[in-house]
Amino acid sequence: MRFCAHPHCGEKVHNGYCPTHARAAWGSTQPAIRIRGRKLQALRLALWEQQGSRCASCQRPVLLKDMVRDHIINLATGAQDQPTNVGCQGLCITCHDTKTQQESLRGRQRNTR
């Protein structure tokens, strides 16, 4: 056990901050409203065609059914899901999963500081 990481707090914790000083993992407190259904599929198709059917990260060819419309700034940090392709990129499933894991790890680390 050690003291809370907040200055002058005397509460004992296992790691990071006490419940009084804990921060949310990400900046957003409201869940993001996501685009779904046919509108999302049309946006994915436009993004896939715009990128030349390649993953924005690894540049390998990707089929439309395997492309994920990824938000460059994730929705958990307060970004909005907008119909425009600004702020979005098409990723293959592998690159998207890797990026999501890295973002999740950063969010958890932020919460323990």
C-alpha atoms as a PDB file:
ATOM      1  CA  MET A   1       0.000   0.000   0.000  1.00  0.00           C
ATOM      2  CA  ARG A   2       1.082   3.551  -0.656  1.00  0.00           C
ATOM      3  CA  PHE A   3      -0.355   7.053  -0.551  1.00  0.00           C
ATOM      4  CA  CYS A   4      -2.686   8.432  -3.219  1.00  0.00           C
ATOM      5  CA  ALA A   5      -0.766  10.126  -6.052  1.00  0.00           C
ATOM      6  CA  HIS A   6      -2.710  13.368  -5.549  1.00  0.00           C
ATOM      7  CA  PRO A   7      -0.576  15.957  -3.695  1.00  0.00           C
ATOM      8  CA  HIS A   8      -1.215  16.126   0.058  1.00  0.00           C
ATOM      9  CA  CYS A   9      -3.706  13.239   0.097  1.00  0.00           C
ATOM     10  CA  GLY A  10      -3.077  10.837   2.942  1.00  0.00           C
ATOM     11  CA  GLU A  11      -5.364   8.021   1.823  1.00  0.00           C
ATOM     12  CA  LYS A  12      -3.705   4.633   1.298  1.00  0.00           C
ATOM     13  CA  VAL A  13      -4.213   2.902  -2.071  1.00  0.00           C
ATOM     14  CA  HIS A  14      -2.733  -0.082  -3.861  1.00  0.00           C
ATOM     15  CA  ASN A  15      -1.858   1.970  -6.935  1.00  0.00           C
ATOM     16  CA  GLY A  16      -2.525   5.429  -8.374  1.00  0.00           C
ATOM     17  CA  TYR A  17      -5.282   7.629  -6.960  1.00  0.00           C
ATOM     18  CA  CYS A  18      -7.873   7.152  -4.226  1.00  0.00           C
ATOM     19  CA  PRO A  19     -11.569   7.154  -5.274  1.00  0.00           C
ATOM     20  CA  THR A  20     -11.853  10.861  -4.378  1.00  0.00           C
ATOM     21  CA  HIS A  21      -9.074  11.878  -6.791  1.00  0.00           C
ATOM     22  CA  ALA A  22      -9.434   9.193  -9.487  1.00  0.00           C
ATOM     23  CA  ARG A  23      -9.869  10.478 -13.020  1.00  0.00           C
ATOM     24  CA  ALA A  24     -11.991   8.956 -15.740  1.00  0.00           C
ATOM     25  CA  ALA A  25      -9.951   6.864 -18.157  1.00  0.00           C
ATOM     26  CA  TRP A  26     -10.909   9.195 -21.012  1.00  0.00           C
ATOM     27  CA  GLY A  27     -12.106  12.771 -21.258  1.00  0.00           C
ATOM     28  CA  SER A  28     -15.674  12.051 -22.317  1.00  0.00           C
ATOM     29  CA  THR A  29     -18.440  11.440 -19.810  1.00  0.00           C
ATOM     30  CA  GLN A  30     -21.191  11.120 -22.433  1.00  0.00           C
ATOM     31  CA  PRO A  31     -21.360   8.032 -24.632  1.00  0.00           C
ATOM     32  CA  ALA A  32     -20.772   8.905 -28.278  1.00  0.00           C
ATOM     33  CA  ILE A  33     -23.724   8.653 -30.643  1.00  0.00           C
ATOM     34  CA  ARG A  34     -22.648   6.303 -33.408  1.00  0.00           C
ATOM     35  CA  ILE A  35     -23.691   6.196 -37.046  1.00  0.00           C
ATOM     36  CA  ARG A  36     -25.240   2.811 -37.816  1.00  0.00           C
ATOM     37  CA  GLY A  37     -27.017   0.824 -40.482  1.00  0.00           C
ATOM     38  CA  ARG A  38     -27.184   1.763 -44.165  1.00  0.00           C
ATOM     39  CA  LYS A  39     -25.689   5.182 -43.536  1.00  0.00           C
ATOM     40  CA  LEU A  40     -22.600   3.576 -41.942  1.00  0.00           C
ATOM     41  CA  GLN A  41     -22.279   1.092 -44.809  1.00  0.00           C
ATOM     42  CA  ALA A  42     -22.415   3.913 -47.373  1.00  0.00           C
ATOM     43  CA  LEU A  43     -19.714   5.800 -45.455  1.00  0.00           C
ATOM     44  CA  ARG A  44     -17.523   2.690 -45.302  1.00  0.00           C
ATOM     45  CA  LEU A  45     -17.880   2.189 -49.060  1.00  0.00           C
ATOM     46  CA  ALA A  46     -16.951   5.822 -49.773  1.00  0.00           C
ATOM     47  CA  LEU A  47     -13.931   5.587 -47.472  1.00  0.00           C
ATOM     48  CA  TRP A  48     -12.842   2.271 -49.020  1.00  0.00           C
ATOM     49  CA  GLU A  49     -13.048   3.765 -52.529  1.00  0.00           C
ATOM     50  CA  GLN A  50     -11.277   6.958 -51.429  1.00  0.00           C
ATOM     51  CA  GLN A  51      -8.335   5.032 -49.954  1.00  0.00           C
ATOM     52  CA  GLY A  52      -7.962   2.764 -52.968  1.00  0.00           C
ATOM     53  CA  SER A  53      -9.134  -0.329 -51.042  1.00  0.00           C
ATOM     54  CA  ARG A  54      -6.003  -0.355 -48.844  1.00  0.00           C
ATOM     55  CA  CYS A  55      -5.518  -0.250 -45.075  1.00  0.00           C
ATOM     56  CA  ALA A  56      -4.440   3.238 -43.984  1.00  0.00           C
ATOM     57  CA  SER A  57      -1.916   1.745 -41.558  1.00  0.00           C
ATOM     58  CA  CYS A  58      -0.220  -1.241 -43.213  1.00  0.00           C
ATOM     59  CA  GLN A  59      -1.170  -0.372 -46.834  1.00  0.00           C
ATOM     60  CA  ARG A  60      -2.183  -3.973 -47.587  1.00  0.00           C
ATOM     61  CA  PRO A  61      -5.207  -4.502 -49.836  1.00  0.00           C
ATOM     62  CA  VAL A  62      -8.377  -4.992 -47.819  1.00  0.00           C
ATOM     63  CA  LEU A  63     -11.805  -6.202 -48.881  1.00  0.00           C
ATOM     64  CA  LEU A  64     -14.719  -3.914 -48.090  1.00  0.00           C
ATOM     65  CA  LYS A  65     -16.237  -6.527 -45.764  1.00  0.00           C
ATOM     66  CA  ASP A  66     -12.972  -6.628 -43.779  1.00  0.00           C
ATOM     67  CA  MET A  67     -12.437  -2.856 -43.532  1.00  0.00           C
ATOM     68  CA  VAL A  68     -13.242  -1.025 -40.293  1.00  0.00           C
ATOM     69  CA  ARG A  69     -14.157   2.677 -40.356  1.00  0.00           C
ATOM     70  CA  ASP A  70     -11.787   3.813 -37.628  1.00  0.00           C
ATOM     71  CA  HIS A  71     -11.902   7.178 -35.866  1.00  0.00           C
ATOM     72  CA  ILE A  72      -8.392   8.652 -35.784  1.00  0.00           C
ATOM     73  CA  ILE A  73      -9.303  10.331 -32.481  1.00  0.00           C
ATOM     74  CA  ASN A  74     -11.362   7.702 -30.700  1.00  0.00           C
ATOM     75  CA  LEU A  75     -14.911   8.368 -29.574  1.00  0.00           C
ATOM     76  CA  ALA A  76     -14.080   7.639 -25.934  1.00  0.00           C
ATOM     77  CA  THR A  77     -11.927  10.779 -25.776  1.00  0.00           C
ATOM     78  CA  GLY A  78     -14.847  12.955 -26.812  1.00  0.00           C
ATOM     79  CA  ALA A  79     -14.649  12.865 -30.623  1.00  0.00           C
ATOM     80  CA  GLN A  80     -17.944  12.852 -32.502  1.00  0.00           C
ATOM     81  CA  ASP A  81     -19.089  10.327 -35.093  1.00  0.00           C
ATOM     82  CA  GLN A  82     -19.681  12.621 -38.073  1.00  0.00           C
ATOM     83  CA  PRO A  83     -20.916  11.642 -41.536  1.00  0.00           C
ATOM     84  CA  THR A  84     -17.856  13.216 -43.170  1.00  0.00           C
ATOM     85  CA  ASN A  85     -14.699  11.177 -43.638  1.00  0.00           C
ATOM     86  CA  VAL A  86     -12.653  13.844 -41.860  1.00  0.00           C
ATOM     87  CA  GLY A  87     -11.135  12.191 -38.812  1.00  0.00           C
ATOM     88  CA  CYS A  88     -11.796   8.669 -40.085  1.00  0.00           C
ATOM     89  CA  GLN A  89      -9.607   6.121 -41.784  1.00  0.00           C
ATOM     90  CA  GLY A  90     -10.143   2.649 -43.160  1.00  0.00           C
ATOM     91  CA  LEU A  91      -8.173  -0.049 -41.365  1.00  0.00           C
ATOM     92  CA  CYS A  92      -7.927  -3.788 -41.743  1.00  0.00           C
ATOM     93  CA  ILE A  93      -9.220  -5.748 -38.775  1.00  0.00           C
ATOM     94  CA  THR A  94      -5.704  -6.560 -37.512  1.00  0.00           C
ATOM     95  CA  CYS A  95      -4.533  -2.924 -37.528  1.00  0.00           C
ATOM     96  CA  HIS A  96      -7.801  -1.769 -35.957  1.00  0.00           C
ATOM     97  CA  ASP A  97      -7.529  -4.316 -33.140  1.00  0.00           C
ATOM     98  CA  THR A  98      -3.910  -3.269 -32.484  1.00  0.00           C
ATOM     99  CA  LYS A  99      -4.845   0.436 -32.413  1.00  0.00           C
ATOM    100  CA  THR A 100      -7.809  -0.240 -30.115  1.00  0.00           C
ATOM    101  CA  GLN A 101      -5.623  -2.194 -27.672  1.00  0.00           C
ATOM    102  CA  GLN A 102      -3.060   0.630 -27.581  1.00  0.00           C
ATOM    103  CA  GLU A 103      -5.780   3.242 -26.953  1.00  0.00           C
ATOM    104  CA  SER A 104      -7.302   1.105 -24.218  1.00  0.00           C
ATOM    105  CA  LEU A 105      -3.921   0.674 -22.537  1.00  0.00           C
ATOM    106  CA  ARG A 106      -3.298   4.450 -22.654  1.00  0.00           C
ATOM    107  CA  GLY A 107      -6.718   5.029 -21.092  1.00  0.00           C
ATOM    108  CA  ARG A 108      -6.062   2.565 -18.269  1.00  0.00           C
ATOM    109  CA  GLN A 109      -2.594   4.030 -17.622  1.00  0.00           C
ATOM    110  CA  ARG A 110      -4.052   7.535 -17.509  1.00  0.00           C
ATOM    111  CA  ASN A 111      -6.494   6.384 -14.847  1.00  0.00           C
ATOM    112  CA  THR A 112      -3.708   5.074 -12.578  1.00  0.00           C
ATOM    113  CA  ARG A 113      -1.511   8.181 -12.663  1.00  0.00           C
END
